[in-house]
Amino acid sequence: DSYLYGIRKNGTYIYWYGVEGAQSVVLRKVNQGNYSLGGAVFDVLQSNGSTIAVVDGVALSGLTSSSTGIIWVGELPYGTYYLHETTVPDGYATLNDGTNWYSLVISEEGIDYDGPLTSAP
């Protein structure tokens, strides 16, 4: 059986459920009042922090939240990734001098999600 889990860090929820050798990942961008925000743009980078992650031949770059705040990331294989919010929704400010980085460690047990980080990896 698969179960949906979620964690919120500074306006970005990350949800996941286990699949064979990976975790299926969905992001949801919200404001402090928990209202969905469209227009946030994220990149998912590999553990080196500079190479865009690729899943099933699709580069995980320029992922944009819908009006419901949702971004379907897909099935990320176990490993370490960095989530970089490259564009914040209109009317909102960036964090940490514009870095807006989060770390994701994906394992069989789930996702360890941390951030925002004080600097780029």
PDB file of N, CA and C in Angstrom:
ATOM      1  N   ASP A   1       0.832  -1.183   0.000  1.00  0.00           N
ATOM      2  CA  ASP A   1       0.000   0.000   0.000  1.00  0.00           C
ATOM      3  C   ASP A   1       0.879   1.250   0.000  1.00  0.00           C
ATOM      4  N   SER A   2       0.420   2.280  -0.711  1.00  0.00           N
ATOM      5  CA  SER A   2       1.111   3.565  -0.722  1.00  0.00           C
ATOM      6  C   SER A   2       0.377   4.536   0.182  1.00  0.00           C
ATOM      7  N   TYR A   3       1.130   5.346   0.876  1.00  0.00           N
ATOM      8  CA  TYR A   3       0.572   6.371   1.737  1.00  0.00           C
ATOM      9  C   TYR A   3       1.148   7.710   1.325  1.00  0.00           C
ATOM     10  N   LEU A   4       0.314   8.768   1.395  1.00  0.00           N
ATOM     11  CA  LEU A   4       0.756  10.107   1.043  1.00  0.00           C
ATOM     12  C   LEU A   4       1.253  10.811   2.295  1.00  0.00           C
ATOM     13  N   TYR A   5       2.455  11.369   2.224  1.00  0.00           N
ATOM     14  CA  TYR A   5       3.047  12.093   3.333  1.00  0.00           C
ATOM     15  C   TYR A   5       3.312  13.519   2.892  1.00  0.00           C
ATOM     16  N   GLY A   6       3.412  14.455   3.828  1.00  0.00           N
ATOM     17  CA  GLY A   6       3.687  15.839   3.462  1.00  0.00           C
ATOM     18  C   GLY A   6       4.386  16.610   4.554  1.00  0.00           C
ATOM     19  N   ILE A   7       5.183  17.593   4.133  1.00  0.00           N
ATOM     20  CA  ILE A   7       5.907  18.484   5.033  1.00  0.00           C
ATOM     21  C   ILE A   7       5.823  19.887   4.427  1.00  0.00           C
ATOM     22  N   ARG A   8       5.681  20.912   5.279  1.00  0.00           N
ATOM     23  CA  ARG A   8       5.703  22.296   4.804  1.00  0.00           C
ATOM     24  C   ARG A   8       6.956  22.978   5.313  1.00  0.00           C
ATOM     25  N   LYS A   9       7.631  23.657   4.405  1.00  0.00           N
ATOM     26  CA  LYS A   9       8.784  24.481   4.767  1.00  0.00           C
ATOM     27  C   LYS A   9       8.605  25.829   4.084  1.00  0.00           C
ATOM     28  N   ASN A  10       8.403  26.866   4.878  1.00  0.00           N
ATOM     29  CA  ASN A  10       8.391  28.235   4.394  1.00  0.00           C
ATOM     30  C   ASN A  10       7.570  28.435   3.119  1.00  0.00           C
ATOM     31  N   GLY A  11       6.345  27.997   3.124  1.00  0.00           N
ATOM     32  CA  GLY A  11       5.458  28.257   1.998  1.00  0.00           C
ATOM     33  C   GLY A  11       5.490  27.239   0.879  1.00  0.00           C
ATOM     34  N   THR A  12       6.273  26.191   1.016  1.00  0.00           N
ATOM     35  CA  THR A  12       6.290  25.153   0.002  1.00  0.00           C
ATOM     36  C   THR A  12       6.043  23.809   0.672  1.00  0.00           C
ATOM     37  N   TYR A  13       4.939  23.182   0.310  1.00  0.00           N
ATOM     38  CA  TYR A  13       4.661  21.832   0.772  1.00  0.00           C
ATOM     39  C   TYR A  13       5.320  20.855  -0.193  1.00  0.00           C
ATOM     40  N   ILE A  14       5.784  19.749   0.328  1.00  0.00           N
ATOM     41  CA  ILE A  14       6.225  18.660  -0.529  1.00  0.00           C
ATOM     42  C   ILE A  14       5.477  17.417  -0.079  1.00  0.00           C
ATOM     43  N   TYR A  15       4.857  16.746  -1.026  1.00  0.00           N
ATOM     44  CA  TYR A  15       4.114  15.518  -0.763  1.00  0.00           C
ATOM     45  C   TYR A  15       4.802  14.389  -1.510  1.00  0.00           C
ATOM     46  N   TRP A  16       4.723  13.187  -0.963  1.00  0.00           N
ATOM     47  CA  TRP A  16       5.323  12.053  -1.648  1.00  0.00           C
ATOM     48  C   TRP A  16       4.643  10.763  -1.242  1.00  0.00           C
ATOM     49  N   TYR A  17       4.810   9.776  -2.087  1.00  0.00           N
ATOM     50  CA  TYR A  17       4.426   8.408  -1.748  1.00  0.00           C
ATOM     51  C   TYR A  17       5.411   7.475  -2.424  1.00  0.00           C
ATOM     52  N   GLY A  18       5.650   6.344  -1.778  1.00  0.00           N
ATOM     53  CA  GLY A  18       6.677   5.416  -2.230  1.00  0.00           C
ATOM     54  C   GLY A  18       6.275   4.625  -3.458  1.00  0.00           C
ATOM     55  N   VAL A  19       7.209   4.476  -4.360  1.00  0.00           N
ATOM     56  CA  VAL A  19       7.111   3.581  -5.509  1.00  0.00           C
ATOM     57  C   VAL A  19       8.419   2.808  -5.547  1.00  0.00           C
ATOM     58  N   GLU A  20       8.504   1.781  -6.306  1.00  0.00           N
ATOM     59  CA  GLU A  20       9.697   0.924  -6.331  1.00  0.00           C
ATOM     60  C   GLU A  20      10.952   1.729  -6.674  1.00  0.00           C
ATOM     61  N   GLY A  21      11.884   1.846  -5.712  1.00  0.00           N
ATOM     62  CA  GLY A  21      13.170   2.492  -5.942  1.00  0.00           C
ATOM     63  C   GLY A  21      13.130   3.997  -6.043  1.00  0.00           C
ATOM     64  N   ALA A  22      11.984   4.620  -5.693  1.00  0.00           N
ATOM     65  CA  ALA A  22      11.852   6.071  -5.837  1.00  0.00           C
ATOM     66  C   ALA A  22      10.741   6.568  -4.919  1.00  0.00           C
ATOM     67  N   GLN A  23      10.559   7.867  -4.923  1.00  0.00           N
ATOM     68  CA  GLN A  23       9.411   8.498  -4.272  1.00  0.00           C
ATOM     69  C   GLN A  23       8.745   9.395  -5.313  1.00  0.00           C
ATOM     70  N   SER A  24       7.447   9.279  -5.450  1.00  0.00           N
ATOM     71  CA  SER A  24       6.698  10.141  -6.355  1.00  0.00           C
ATOM     72  C   SER A  24       6.454  11.459  -5.629  1.00  0.00           C
ATOM     73  N   VAL A  25       6.832  12.584  -6.250  1.00  0.00           N
ATOM     74  CA  VAL A  25       6.894  13.866  -5.569  1.00  0.00           C
ATOM     75  C   VAL A  25       5.962  14.888  -6.214  1.00  0.00           C
ATOM     76  N   VAL A  26       5.229  15.610  -5.351  1.00  0.00           N
ATOM     77  CA  VAL A  26       4.360  16.714  -5.761  1.00  0.00           C
ATOM     78  C   VAL A  26       4.671  17.893  -4.844  1.00  0.00           C
ATOM     79  N   LEU A  27       4.799  19.088  -5.418  1.00  0.00           N
ATOM     80  CA  LEU A  27       4.990  20.300  -4.635  1.00  0.00           C
ATOM     81  C   LEU A  27       3.702  21.105  -4.631  1.00  0.00           C
ATOM     82  N   ARG A  28       3.488  21.886  -3.581  1.00  0.00           N
ATOM     83  CA  ARG A  28       2.367  22.822  -3.538  1.00  0.00           C
ATOM     84  C   ARG A  28       2.868  24.112  -2.912  1.00  0.00           C
ATOM     85  N   LYS A  29       2.780  25.204  -3.645  1.00  0.00           N
ATOM     86  CA  LYS A  29       3.239  26.513  -3.173  1.00  0.00           C
ATOM     87  C   LYS A  29       2.065  27.267  -2.571  1.00  0.00           C
ATOM     88  N   VAL A  30       2.250  27.753  -1.329  1.00  0.00           N
ATOM     89  CA  VAL A  30       1.199  28.490  -0.624  1.00  0.00           C
ATOM     90  C   VAL A  30       1.799  29.727   0.053  1.00  0.00           C
ATOM     91  N   ASN A  31       0.906  30.662   0.451  1.00  0.00           N
ATOM     92  CA  ASN A  31       1.364  31.821   1.212  1.00  0.00           C
ATOM     93  C   ASN A  31       1.183  31.542   2.701  1.00  0.00           C
ATOM     94  N   GLN A  32       1.441  32.553   3.542  1.00  0.00           N
ATOM     95  CA  GLN A  32       1.361  32.346   4.997  1.00  0.00           C
ATOM     96  C   GLN A  32      -0.048  31.989   5.445  1.00  0.00           C
ATOM     97  N   GLY A  33      -1.072  32.405   4.701  1.00  0.00           N
ATOM     98  CA  GLY A  33      -2.445  32.069   5.026  1.00  0.00           C
ATOM     99  C   GLY A  33      -2.874  30.725   4.471  1.00  0.00           C
ATOM    100  N   ASN A  34      -1.923  30.006   3.875  1.00  0.00           N
ATOM    101  CA  ASN A  34      -2.143  28.681   3.300  1.00  0.00           C
ATOM    102  C   ASN A  34      -2.970  28.718   2.007  1.00  0.00           C
ATOM    103  N   TYR A  35      -2.989  29.880   1.341  1.00  0.00           N
ATOM    104  CA  TYR A  35      -3.670  29.988   0.048  1.00  0.00           C
ATOM    105  C   TYR A  35      -2.701  29.624  -1.070  1.00  0.00           C
ATOM    106  N   SER A  36      -3.197  28.894  -2.044  1.00  0.00           N
ATOM    107  CA  SER A  36      -2.365  28.422  -3.154  1.00  0.00           C
ATOM    108  C   SER A  36      -1.821  29.583  -3.977  1.00  0.00           C
ATOM    109  N   LEU A  37      -0.579  29.423  -4.427  1.00  0.00           N
ATOM    110  CA  LEU A  37       0.075  30.451  -5.235  1.00  0.00           C
ATOM    111  C   LEU A  37       0.530  29.871  -6.567  1.00  0.00           C
ATOM    112  N   GLY A  38       0.059  30.444  -7.647  1.00  0.00           N
ATOM    113  CA  GLY A  38       0.547  30.081  -8.975  1.00  0.00           C
ATOM    114  C   GLY A  38       1.723  30.954  -9.350  1.00  0.00           C
ATOM    115  N   GLY A  39       2.501  30.495 -10.308  1.00  0.00           N
ATOM    116  CA  GLY A  39       3.592  31.291 -10.846  1.00  0.00           C
ATOM    117  C   GLY A  39       4.942  31.108 -10.189  1.00  0.00           C
ATOM    118  N   ALA A  40       5.055  30.252  -9.174  1.00  0.00           N
ATOM    119  CA  ALA A  40       6.367  29.944  -8.608  1.00  0.00           C
ATOM    120  C   ALA A  40       7.069  28.986  -9.571  1.00  0.00           C
ATOM    121  N   VAL A  41       8.349  29.215  -9.817  1.00  0.00           N
ATOM    122  CA  VAL A  41       9.103  28.386 -10.752  1.00  0.00           C
ATOM    123  C   VAL A  41      10.257  27.715 -10.005  1.00  0.00           C
ATOM    124  N   PHE A  42      10.367  26.393 -10.190  1.00  0.00           N
ATOM    125  CA  PHE A  42      11.379  25.597  -9.507  1.00  0.00           C
ATOM    126  C   PHE A  42      12.211  24.796 -10.495  1.00  0.00           C
ATOM    127  N   ASP A  43      13.464  24.568 -10.125  1.00  0.00           N
ATOM    128  CA  ASP A  43      14.331  23.593 -10.783  1.00  0.00           C
ATOM    129  C   ASP A  43      14.662  22.522  -9.751  1.00  0.00           C
ATOM    130  N   VAL A  44      14.802  21.278 -10.189  1.00  0.00           N
ATOM    131  CA  VAL A  44      15.279  20.201  -9.335  1.00  0.00           C
ATOM    132  C   VAL A  44      16.670  19.841  -9.840  1.00  0.00           C
ATOM    133  N   LEU A  45      17.653  19.931  -8.948  1.00  0.00           N
ATOM    134  CA  LEU A  45      19.038  19.679  -9.323  1.00  0.00           C
ATOM    135  C   LEU A  45      19.573  18.427  -8.648  1.00  0.00           C
ATOM    136  N   GLN A  46      20.535  17.806  -9.301  1.00  0.00           N
ATOM    137  CA  GLN A  46      21.177  16.622  -8.748  1.00  0.00           C
ATOM    138  C   GLN A  46      22.025  17.002  -7.541  1.00  0.00           C
ATOM    139  N   SER A  47      22.598  16.010  -6.891  1.00  0.00           N
ATOM    140  CA  SER A  47      23.320  16.217  -5.631  1.00  0.00           C
ATOM    141  C   SER A  47      24.486  17.194  -5.735  1.00  0.00           C
ATOM    142  N   ASN A  48      25.026  17.422  -6.936  1.00  0.00           N
ATOM    143  CA  ASN A  48      26.119  18.387  -7.067  1.00  0.00           C
ATOM    144  C   ASN A  48      25.616  19.827  -7.015  1.00  0.00           C
ATOM    145  N   GLY A  49      24.286  20.029  -7.063  1.00  0.00           N
ATOM    146  CA  GLY A  49      23.709  21.357  -6.953  1.00  0.00           C
ATOM    147  C   GLY A  49      23.807  22.202  -8.195  1.00  0.00           C
ATOM    148  N   SER A  50      24.357  21.655  -9.280  1.00  0.00           N
ATOM    149  CA  SER A  50      24.491  22.461 -10.492  1.00  0.00           C
ATOM    150  C   SER A  50      23.924  21.797 -11.740  1.00  0.00           C
ATOM    151  N   THR A  51      23.645  20.504 -11.700  1.00  0.00           N
ATOM    152  CA  THR A  51      23.133  19.777 -12.865  1.00  0.00           C
ATOM    153  C   THR A  51      21.640  19.523 -12.684  1.00  0.00           C
ATOM    154  N   ILE A  52      20.853  19.921 -13.674  1.00  0.00           N
ATOM    155  CA  ILE A  52      19.411  19.701 -13.632  1.00  0.00           C
ATOM    156  C   ILE A  52      19.142  18.193 -13.618  1.00  0.00           C
ATOM    157  N   ALA A  53      18.256  17.772 -12.709  1.00  0.00           N
ATOM    158  CA  ALA A  53      17.869  16.359 -12.649  1.00  0.00           C
ATOM    159  C   ALA A  53      16.995  16.023 -13.855  1.00  0.00           C
ATOM    160  N   VAL A  54      17.132  14.791 -14.334  1.00  0.00           N
ATOM    161  CA  VAL A  54      16.343  14.296 -15.471  1.00  0.00           C
ATOM    162  C   VAL A  54      15.656  13.015 -15.032  1.00  0.00           C
ATOM    163  N   VAL A  55      14.338  12.943 -15.239  1.00  0.00           N
ATOM    164  CA  VAL A  55      13.557  11.762 -14.900  1.00  0.00           C
ATOM    165  C   VAL A  55      12.797  11.322 -16.140  1.00  0.00           C
ATOM    166  N   ASP A  56      12.992  10.074 -16.539  1.00  0.00           N
ATOM    167  CA  ASP A  56      12.336   9.530 -17.738  1.00  0.00           C
ATOM    168  C   ASP A  56      12.540  10.417 -18.960  1.00  0.00           C
ATOM    169  N   GLY A  57      13.757  10.957 -19.090  1.00  0.00           N
ATOM    170  CA  GLY A  57      14.098  11.783 -20.245  1.00  0.00           C
ATOM    171  C   GLY A  57      13.604  13.212 -20.180  1.00  0.00           C
ATOM    172  N   VAL A  58      12.992  13.612 -19.073  1.00  0.00           N
ATOM    173  CA  VAL A  58      12.459  14.969 -18.931  1.00  0.00           C
ATOM    174  C   VAL A  58      13.308  15.747 -17.934  1.00  0.00           C
ATOM    175  N   ALA A  59      13.844  16.899 -18.378  1.00  0.00           N
ATOM    176  CA  ALA A  59      14.626  17.762 -17.496  1.00  0.00           C
ATOM    177  C   ALA A  59      13.684  18.463 -16.523  1.00  0.00           C
ATOM    178  N   LEU A  60      14.014  18.424 -15.241  1.00  0.00           N
ATOM    179  CA  LEU A  60      13.171  19.020 -14.206  1.00  0.00           C
ATOM    180  C   LEU A  60      13.583  20.469 -13.976  1.00  0.00           C
ATOM    181  N   SER A  61      13.360  21.272 -15.007  1.00  0.00           N
ATOM    182  CA  SER A  61      13.737  22.675 -15.010  1.00  0.00           C
ATOM    183  C   SER A  61      12.530  23.513 -15.417  1.00  0.00           C
ATOM    184  N   GLY A  62      12.368  24.661 -14.775  1.00  0.00           N
ATOM    185  CA  GLY A  62      11.270  25.555 -15.136  1.00  0.00           C
ATOM    186  C   GLY A  62       9.904  25.014 -14.755  1.00  0.00           C
ATOM    187  N   LEU A  63       9.837  24.199 -13.694  1.00  0.00           N
ATOM    188  CA  LEU A  63       8.564  23.639 -13.242  1.00  0.00           C
ATOM    189  C   LEU A  63       7.759  24.755 -12.584  1.00  0.00           C
ATOM    190  N   THR A  64       6.589  25.074 -13.114  1.00  0.00           N
ATOM    191  CA  THR A  64       5.809  26.236 -12.679  1.00  0.00           C
ATOM    192  C   THR A  64       4.528  25.814 -11.977  1.00  0.00           C
ATOM    193  N   SER A  65       4.275  26.423 -10.809  1.00  0.00           N
ATOM    194  CA  SER A  65       3.061  26.085 -10.063  1.00  0.00           C
ATOM    195  C   SER A  65       1.827  26.619 -10.782  1.00  0.00           C
ATOM    196  N   SER A  66       0.786  25.783 -10.791  1.00  0.00           N
ATOM    197  CA  SER A  66      -0.489  26.159 -11.398  1.00  0.00           C
ATOM    198  C   SER A  66      -1.232  27.118 -10.469  1.00  0.00           C
ATOM    199  N   SER A  67      -2.413  27.558 -10.861  1.00  0.00           N
ATOM    200  CA  SER A  67      -3.212  28.446 -10.014  1.00  0.00           C
ATOM    201  C   SER A  67      -3.586  27.775  -8.697  1.00  0.00           C
ATOM    202  N   THR A  68      -3.542  26.443  -8.654  1.00  0.00           N
ATOM    203  CA  THR A  68      -3.800  25.718  -7.402  1.00  0.00           C
ATOM    204  C   THR A  68      -2.507  25.486  -6.610  1.00  0.00           C
ATOM    205  N   GLY A  69      -1.398  26.042  -7.082  1.00  0.00           N
ATOM    206  CA  GLY A  69      -0.118  25.923  -6.402  1.00  0.00           C
ATOM    207  C   GLY A  69       0.613  24.619  -6.630  1.00  0.00           C
ATOM    208  N   ILE A  70       0.065  23.746  -7.482  1.00  0.00           N
ATOM    209  CA  ILE A  70       0.590  22.390  -7.643  1.00  0.00           C
ATOM    210  C   ILE A  70       1.655  22.303  -8.739  1.00  0.00           C
ATOM    211  N   ILE A  71       2.700  21.531  -8.441  1.00  0.00           N
ATOM    212  CA  ILE A  71       3.714  21.139  -9.428  1.00  0.00           C
ATOM    213  C   ILE A  71       3.901  19.635  -9.293  1.00  0.00           C
ATOM    214  N   TRP A  72       3.652  18.903 -10.356  1.00  0.00           N
ATOM    215  CA  TRP A  72       3.897  17.456 -10.386  1.00  0.00           C
ATOM    216  C   TRP A  72       5.349  17.250 -10.800  1.00  0.00           C
ATOM    217  N   VAL A  73       6.184  16.812  -9.869  1.00  0.00           N
ATOM    218  CA  VAL A  73       7.609  16.615 -10.153  1.00  0.00           C
ATOM    219  C   VAL A  73       7.837  15.261 -10.811  1.00  0.00           C
ATOM    220  N   GLY A  74       7.234  14.214 -10.280  1.00  0.00           N
ATOM    221  CA  GLY A  74       7.420  12.876 -10.827  1.00  0.00           C
ATOM    222  C   GLY A  74       8.133  11.975  -9.848  1.00  0.00           C
ATOM    223  N   GLU A  75       8.577  10.835 -10.334  1.00  0.00           N
ATOM    224  CA  GLU A  75       9.232   9.830  -9.501  1.00  0.00           C
ATOM    225  C   GLU A  75      10.736  10.073  -9.451  1.00  0.00           C
ATOM    226  N   LEU A  76      11.214  10.533  -8.311  1.00  0.00           N
ATOM    227  CA  LEU A  76      12.640  10.785  -8.129  1.00  0.00           C
ATOM    228  C   LEU A  76      13.289   9.554  -7.505  1.00  0.00           C
ATOM    229  N   PRO A  77      14.294   8.995  -8.169  1.00  0.00           N
ATOM    230  CA  PRO A  77      15.019   7.851  -7.594  1.00  0.00           C
ATOM    231  C   PRO A  77      15.696   8.261  -6.281  1.00  0.00           C
ATOM    232  N   TYR A  78      15.971   7.280  -5.432  1.00  0.00           N
ATOM    233  CA  TYR A  78      16.624   7.541  -4.165  1.00  0.00           C
ATOM    234  C   TYR A  78      17.909   8.317  -4.401  1.00  0.00           C
ATOM    235  N   GLY A  79      18.170   9.280  -3.532  1.00  0.00           N
ATOM    236  CA  GLY A  79      19.371  10.096  -3.633  1.00  0.00           C
ATOM    237  C   GLY A  79      19.138  11.478  -3.053  1.00  0.00           C
ATOM    238  N   THR A  80      20.119  12.351  -3.216  1.00  0.00           N
ATOM    239  CA  THR A  80      20.049  13.730  -2.734  1.00  0.00           C
ATOM    240  C   THR A  80      19.800  14.666  -3.904  1.00  0.00           C
ATOM    241  N   TYR A  81      18.895  15.602  -3.697  1.00  0.00           N
ATOM    242  CA  TYR A  81      18.540  16.597  -4.714  1.00  0.00           C
ATOM    243  C   TYR A  81      18.440  17.960  -4.039  1.00  0.00           C
ATOM    244  N   TYR A  82      18.467  18.988  -4.878  1.00  0.00           N
ATOM    245  CA  TYR A  82      18.224  20.340  -4.400  1.00  0.00           C
ATOM    246  C   TYR A  82      17.073  20.927  -5.192  1.00  0.00           C
ATOM    247  N   LEU A  83      16.183  21.577  -4.469  1.00  0.00           N
ATOM    248  CA  LEU A  83      15.043  22.251  -5.053  1.00  0.00           C
ATOM    249  C   LEU A  83      15.367  23.739  -5.022  1.00  0.00           C
ATOM    250  N   HIS A  84      15.336  24.391  -6.186  1.00  0.00           N
ATOM    251  CA  HIS A  84      15.674  25.811  -6.272  1.00  0.00           C
ATOM    252  C   HIS A  84      14.479  26.571  -6.814  1.00  0.00           C
ATOM    253  N   GLU A  85      13.942  27.459  -6.006  1.00  0.00           N
ATOM    254  CA  GLU A  85      12.850  28.324  -6.463  1.00  0.00           C
ATOM    255  C   GLU A  85      13.488  29.485  -7.204  1.00  0.00           C
ATOM    256  N   THR A  86      13.408  29.448  -8.532  1.00  0.00           N
ATOM    257  CA  THR A  86      14.085  30.447  -9.363  1.00  0.00           C
ATOM    258  C   THR A  86      13.252  31.705  -9.552  1.00  0.00           C
ATOM    259  N   THR A  87      11.931  31.584  -9.446  1.00  0.00           N
ATOM    260  CA  THR A  87      11.024  32.728  -9.576  1.00  0.00           C
ATOM    261  C   THR A  87       9.942  32.595  -8.520  1.00  0.00           C
ATOM    262  N   VAL A  88       9.754  33.658  -7.741  1.00  0.00           N
ATOM    263  CA  VAL A  88       8.677  33.651  -6.749  1.00  0.00           C
ATOM    264  C   VAL A  88       7.421  34.238  -7.390  1.00  0.00           C
ATOM    265  N   PRO A  89       6.235  33.900  -6.864  1.00  0.00           N
ATOM    266  CA  PRO A  89       5.002  34.467  -7.415  1.00  0.00           C
ATOM    267  C   PRO A  89       4.986  35.994  -7.314  1.00  0.00           C
ATOM    268  N   ASP A  90       4.269  36.652  -8.212  1.00  0.00           N
ATOM    269  CA  ASP A  90       4.137  38.103  -8.191  1.00  0.00           C
ATOM    270  C   ASP A  90       3.686  38.579  -6.822  1.00  0.00           C
ATOM    271  N   GLY A  91       4.335  39.643  -6.332  1.00  0.00           N
ATOM    272  CA  GLY A  91       3.968  40.223  -5.054  1.00  0.00           C
ATOM    273  C   GLY A  91       4.687  39.623  -3.858  1.00  0.00           C
ATOM    274  N   TYR A  92       5.559  38.638  -4.089  1.00  0.00           N
ATOM    275  CA  TYR A  92       6.292  37.986  -3.002  1.00  0.00           C
ATOM    276  C   TYR A  92       7.785  38.207  -3.178  1.00  0.00           C
ATOM    277  N   ALA A  93       8.513  38.155  -2.065  1.00  0.00           N
ATOM    278  CA  ALA A  93       9.952  38.396  -2.088  1.00  0.00           C
ATOM    279  C   ALA A  93      10.714  37.086  -1.992  1.00  0.00           C
ATOM    280  N   THR A  94      11.939  37.097  -2.512  1.00  0.00           N
ATOM    281  CA  THR A  94      12.807  35.931  -2.370  1.00  0.00           C
ATOM    282  C   THR A  94      13.369  35.893  -0.948  1.00  0.00           C
ATOM    283  N   LEU A  95      13.894  34.751  -0.571  1.00  0.00           N
ATOM    284  CA  LEU A  95      14.496  34.562   0.740  1.00  0.00           C
ATOM    285  C   LEU A  95      16.004  34.469   0.622  1.00  0.00           C
ATOM    286  N   ASN A  96      16.681  34.663   1.744  1.00  0.00           N
ATOM    287  CA  ASN A  96      18.139  34.437   1.805  1.00  0.00           C
ATOM    288  C   ASN A  96      18.878  35.065   0.630  1.00  0.00           C
ATOM    289  N   ASP A  97      18.650  36.344   0.412  1.00  0.00           N
ATOM    290  CA  ASP A  97      19.319  37.073  -0.671  1.00  0.00           C
ATOM    291  C   ASP A  97      19.076  36.451  -2.032  1.00  0.00           C
ATOM    292  N   GLY A  98      17.893  35.901  -2.222  1.00  0.00           N
ATOM    293  CA  GLY A  98      17.518  35.386  -3.537  1.00  0.00           C
ATOM    294  C   GLY A  98      17.893  33.957  -3.811  1.00  0.00           C
ATOM    295  N   THR A  99      18.448  33.225  -2.833  1.00  0.00           N
ATOM    296  CA  THR A  99      18.865  31.861  -3.139  1.00  0.00           C
ATOM    297  C   THR A  99      17.692  30.891  -3.210  1.00  0.00           C
ATOM    298  N   ASN A 100      16.803  30.893  -2.223  1.00  0.00           N
ATOM    299  CA  ASN A 100      15.616  30.019  -2.208  1.00  0.00           C
ATOM    300  C   ASN A 100      15.934  28.565  -2.550  1.00  0.00           C
ATOM    301  N   TRP A 101      16.857  27.962  -1.823  1.00  0.00           N
ATOM    302  CA  TRP A 101      17.273  26.576  -2.022  1.00  0.00           C
ATOM    303  C   TRP A 101      16.733  25.692  -0.912  1.00  0.00           C
ATOM    304  N   TYR A 102      16.360  24.466  -1.259  1.00  0.00           N
ATOM    305  CA  TYR A 102      15.899  23.455  -0.318  1.00  0.00           C
ATOM    306  C   TYR A 102      16.618  22.153  -0.650  1.00  0.00           C
ATOM    307  N   SER A 103      16.888  21.337   0.367  1.00  0.00           N
ATOM    308  CA  SER A 103      17.504  20.035   0.102  1.00  0.00           C
ATOM    309  C   SER A 103      16.449  18.940   0.242  1.00  0.00           C
ATOM    310  N   LEU A 104      16.567  17.919  -0.595  1.00  0.00           N
ATOM    311  CA  LEU A 104      15.691  16.752  -0.563  1.00  0.00           C
ATOM    312  C   LEU A 104      16.566  15.511  -0.536  1.00  0.00           C
ATOM    313  N   VAL A 105      16.420  14.703   0.495  1.00  0.00           N
ATOM    314  CA  VAL A 105      17.111  13.417   0.534  1.00  0.00           C
ATOM    315  C   VAL A 105      16.019  12.364   0.444  1.00  0.00           C
ATOM    316  N   ILE A 106      16.022  11.630  -0.656  1.00  0.00           N
ATOM    317  CA  ILE A 106      14.958  10.676  -0.955  1.00  0.00           C
ATOM    318  C   ILE A 106      15.468   9.269  -0.689  1.00  0.00           C
ATOM    319  N   SER A 107      14.707   8.535   0.139  1.00  0.00           N
ATOM    320  CA  SER A 107      15.087   7.167   0.478  1.00  0.00           C
ATOM    321  C   SER A 107      13.830   6.312   0.550  1.00  0.00           C
ATOM    322  N   GLU A 108      14.023   5.052   0.830  1.00  0.00           N
ATOM    323  CA  GLU A 108      12.895   4.137   0.962  1.00  0.00           C
ATOM    324  C   GLU A 108      11.940   4.588   2.072  1.00  0.00           C
ATOM    325  N   GLU A 109      12.482   5.231   3.119  1.00  0.00           N
ATOM    326  CA  GLU A 109      11.665   5.676   4.248  1.00  0.00           C
ATOM    327  C   GLU A 109      10.851   6.918   3.941  1.00  0.00           C
ATOM    328  N   GLY A 110      11.207   7.667   2.891  1.00  0.00           N
ATOM    329  CA  GLY A 110      10.494   8.895   2.564  1.00  0.00           C
ATOM    330  C   GLY A 110      11.432   9.981   2.104  1.00  0.00           C
ATOM    331  N   ILE A 111      11.117  11.226   2.496  1.00  0.00           N
ATOM    332  CA  ILE A 111      11.913  12.374   2.081  1.00  0.00           C
ATOM    333  C   ILE A 111      12.285  13.192   3.303  1.00  0.00           C
ATOM    334  N   ASP A 112      13.571  13.522   3.419  1.00  0.00           N
ATOM    335  CA  ASP A 112      14.046  14.480   4.409  1.00  0.00           C
ATOM    336  C   ASP A 112      14.157  15.798   3.662  1.00  0.00           C
ATOM    337  N   TYR A 113      13.351  16.770   4.051  1.00  0.00           N
ATOM    338  CA  TYR A 113      13.188  18.028   3.330  1.00  0.00           C
ATOM    339  C   TYR A 113      13.645  19.146   4.240  1.00  0.00           C
ATOM    340  N   ASP A 114      14.615  19.954   3.823  1.00  0.00           N
ATOM    341  CA  ASP A 114      15.141  21.004   4.668  1.00  0.00           C
ATOM    342  C   ASP A 114      15.289  22.286   3.881  1.00  0.00           C
ATOM    343  N   GLY A 115      15.110  23.385   4.555  1.00  0.00           N
ATOM    344  CA  GLY A 115      15.305  24.675   3.905  1.00  0.00           C
ATOM    345  C   GLY A 115      14.355  25.712   4.477  1.00  0.00           C
ATOM    346  N   PRO A 116      14.462  26.929   4.044  1.00  0.00           N
ATOM    347  CA  PRO A 116      15.414  27.338   3.016  1.00  0.00           C
ATOM    348  C   PRO A 116      16.845  27.326   3.547  1.00  0.00           C
ATOM    349  N   LEU A 117      17.764  26.967   2.675  1.00  0.00           N
ATOM    350  CA  LEU A 117      19.175  26.933   3.015  1.00  0.00           C
ATOM    351  C   LEU A 117      19.719  28.363   2.985  1.00  0.00           C
ATOM    352  N   THR A 118      20.782  28.625   3.717  1.00  0.00           N
ATOM    353  CA  THR A 118      21.325  29.978   3.779  1.00  0.00           C
ATOM    354  C   THR A 118      22.129  30.355   2.542  1.00  0.00           C
ATOM    355  N   SER A 119      22.483  29.351   1.727  1.00  0.00           N
ATOM    356  CA  SER A 119      23.211  29.623   0.489  1.00  0.00           C
ATOM    357  C   SER A 119      23.006  28.463  -0.481  1.00  0.00           C
ATOM    358  N   ALA A 120      23.401  28.689  -1.700  1.00  0.00           N
ATOM    359  CA  ALA A 120      23.334  27.630  -2.698  1.00  0.00           C
ATOM    360  C   ALA A 120      24.282  26.509  -2.315  1.00  0.00           C
ATOM    361  N   PRO A 121      23.975  25.269  -2.714  1.00  0.00           N
ATOM    362  CA  PRO A 121      24.855  24.138  -2.359  1.00  0.00           C
ATOM    363  C   PRO A 121      26.222  24.251  -3.030  1.00  0.00           C
TER     364      PRO A 121
END
